[in-house]
Protein backbone atom coordinates (compact mmCIF):
# COMPACT_ATOMS: atom_id res chain seq x y z
CA MET A 1 104.32 58.54 51.44
CA THR A 2 107.61 60.47 51.24
CA ILE A 3 107.94 64.24 51.19
CA ASN A 4 108.93 64.01 47.51
CA ASP A 5 105.75 62.03 46.77
CA MET A 6 103.67 64.59 48.67
CA TYR A 7 105.35 67.40 46.74
CA GLU A 8 104.57 65.79 43.39
CA GLU A 9 101.00 64.95 44.33
CA PHE A 10 99.91 68.04 46.28
CA PHE A 11 102.07 70.97 45.11
CA ASP A 12 99.93 72.14 42.16
CA GLY A 13 96.68 71.86 44.10
CA LEU A 14 98.14 73.73 47.07
CA VAL A 15 99.42 76.53 44.84
CA SER A 16 96.04 76.89 43.10
CA TRP A 17 94.17 76.94 46.40
CA CYS A 18 96.58 79.38 48.00
CA ALA A 19 96.61 81.66 44.92
CA ALA A 20 92.82 81.92 45.13
CA MET A 21 93.14 82.79 48.81
CA CYS A 22 95.93 85.37 48.54
CA GLY A 23 95.35 86.67 45.03
CA GLY A 24 98.76 85.94 43.53
CA GLU A 25 100.49 82.87 42.21
CA THR A 26 104.02 84.01 43.12
CA ALA A 27 103.08 84.62 46.75
CA ALA A 28 101.18 81.30 46.76
CA GLU A 29 104.23 79.41 45.49
CA ASP A 30 106.37 81.02 48.21
CA MET A 31 103.91 79.98 50.91
CA VAL A 32 103.64 76.43 49.58
CA GLN A 33 107.43 76.16 49.41
CA GLU A 34 107.60 77.35 53.02
CA ALA A 35 105.03 74.71 53.99
CA PHE A 36 107.14 71.99 52.37
CA ALA A 37 110.22 73.32 54.16
CA ARG A 38 108.29 72.91 57.42
CA ALA A 39 107.21 69.46 56.27
CA LEU A 40 110.86 68.45 55.99
CA THR A 41 111.31 69.11 59.71
CA HIS A 42 108.31 66.86 60.41
CA SER A 43 109.05 64.29 57.73
CA VAL A 44 109.26 61.30 60.09
CA THR A 45 105.76 61.99 61.40
CA LEU A 46 104.25 62.92 58.02
CA GLU A 47 105.56 59.82 56.29
CA LYS A 48 103.71 57.66 58.84
CA LEU A 49 100.38 59.38 58.18
CA HIS A 50 97.76 58.37 55.65
CA PRO A 51 98.14 60.44 52.42
CA MET A 52 94.91 62.35 53.16
CA GLN A 53 96.19 63.23 56.63
CA SER A 54 99.45 64.48 55.12
CA ARG A 55 97.45 66.51 52.62
CA ALA A 56 95.36 68.01 55.44
CA TRP A 57 98.54 68.85 57.37
CA LEU A 58 99.95 70.65 54.31
CA TYR A 59 96.75 72.63 53.65
CA THR A 60 96.52 73.65 57.31
CA THR A 61 100.18 74.70 57.29
CA VAL A 62 99.72 76.81 54.15
CA LYS A 63 96.61 78.43 55.67
CA ASN A 64 98.55 79.22 58.86
CA ILE A 65 101.44 80.70 56.88
CA TYR A 66 98.97 82.87 54.98
CA LEU A 67 97.26 84.03 58.19
CA ASP A 68 100.65 84.83 59.73
CA ARG A 69 101.44 87.03 56.73
CA VAL A 70 98.04 88.75 56.93
CA ARG A 71 98.56 89.40 60.66
CA HIS A 72 102.03 90.74 60.01
CA ARG A 73 100.76 93.17 57.38
CA ALA A 74 97.88 94.21 59.64
CA PHE A 75 100.20 95.14 62.48
CA GLU A 76 102.99 96.83 60.55
CA SER A 77 103.81 100.18 62.00
CA VAL A 78 102.45 103.33 60.44
CA SER A 79 105.01 105.72 58.99
CA ASP A 80 106.01 108.57 61.31
CA GLU A 81 106.70 110.99 58.46
CA ILE A 82 104.80 114.26 58.45
CA PRO A 83 103.28 115.04 55.05
CA ASP A 84 104.79 117.97 53.18
CA THR A 85 101.56 119.08 51.54
CA ALA A 86 97.90 119.31 52.41
CA ALA A 87 97.16 116.72 49.70
CA ASP A 88 98.84 114.14 51.93
CA GLY A 89 96.28 114.78 54.68
CA ASP A 90 94.47 111.55 53.78
CA ASP A 91 97.52 109.71 55.13
CA TYR A 92 96.51 110.82 58.62
CA ALA A 93 93.01 109.43 58.14
CA ASP A 94 94.53 106.15 56.96
CA ALA A 95 96.85 106.09 59.98
CA GLU A 96 93.94 106.74 62.34
CA THR A 97 91.92 103.98 60.67
CA ASP A 98 94.83 101.54 61.00
CA GLU A 99 95.26 102.51 64.64
CA LEU A 100 91.58 101.90 65.40
CA ILE A 101 91.55 98.56 63.60
CA ASN A 102 94.73 97.48 65.41
CA MET A 103 93.00 98.18 68.74
CA LEU A 104 90.38 95.52 67.98
CA PRO A 105 90.83 92.09 69.59
CA TYR A 106 92.15 89.15 67.57
CA PRO A 107 90.80 87.97 65.12
CA ASP A 108 88.14 90.69 64.76
CA GLY A 109 90.57 93.33 63.50
CA ILE A 110 92.07 90.99 60.93
CA MET A 111 88.65 89.83 59.73
CA PHE A 112 87.45 93.46 59.48
CA ARG A 113 90.52 94.44 57.47
CA MET A 114 90.19 91.42 55.18
CA ARG A 115 86.48 92.05 54.54
CA TYR A 116 86.31 95.81 54.15
CA LEU A 117 89.81 96.81 53.09
CA GLU A 118 91.02 93.78 51.15
CA GLY A 119 87.67 92.68 49.69
CA TYR A 120 87.41 89.08 50.92
CA SER A 121 83.93 87.60 51.17
CA SER A 122 82.45 86.24 54.40
CA LYS A 123 82.73 82.75 52.95
CA GLU A 124 86.44 83.15 52.16
CA ILE A 125 87.17 84.58 55.61
CA GLY A 126 85.18 81.78 57.21
CA GLU A 127 87.24 79.19 55.38
CA MET A 128 90.47 80.82 56.58
CA PHE A 129 89.32 81.08 60.19
CA ASN A 130 87.45 77.76 60.16
CA MET A 131 84.02 79.25 60.96
CA PRO A 132 80.70 79.49 59.11
CA PRO A 133 80.09 82.59 56.95
CA GLY A 134 77.15 83.56 59.18
CA THR A 135 79.44 83.66 62.20
CA VAL A 136 81.87 85.84 60.26
CA ARG A 137 79.07 88.26 59.34
CA SER A 138 77.89 88.37 62.96
CA ARG A 139 81.40 89.08 64.24
CA LEU A 140 81.87 91.77 61.60
CA SER A 141 78.61 93.39 62.70
CA GLU A 142 79.78 93.42 66.32
CA THR A 143 83.15 94.79 65.20
CA ARG A 144 81.47 97.64 63.32
CA LYS A 145 79.52 98.48 66.51
CA LYS A 146 82.77 98.50 68.51
CA LEU A 147 84.41 100.79 65.96
CA ARG A 148 81.45 103.21 66.04
CA LYS A 149 81.68 103.33 69.83
CA MET A 150 85.45 103.90 69.67
CA LEU A 151 84.94 106.74 67.18
CA LYS A 152 82.29 108.41 69.37
CA GLU A 153 84.63 108.24 72.38
CA GLU A 154 87.39 110.09 70.50
């Protein structure tokens, strides 16, 4: 199966799946396009695979691209600007929260952010990290305990 065949057969399904994961069709299309660009560099290998193996490779690649973007957003630096008014004081609380979450080990910090700040369900997070929803909930519980301990130490 050629890359063009894979594009025609899997593109729409990948975009739909990715849009459900990231919440936007434009971002999903960008990620799927990036996955196909990566596929071009591996075209010799992909064309030798069974179509279902090529499909699995594409879905895994899109998932990894998405997770890379989530990680990047999670670790972006906090603005160093000092607020001009007292109303901006919440920015400090947000910065402190980001700092605490960034201190958590991988992937706990990302999973915590996705669950409690971005609204993903345990099932959705489990699918992205390839673990059962119960394991996600258990790790989130342990992460909450770590955060409480970190807050008490401050």
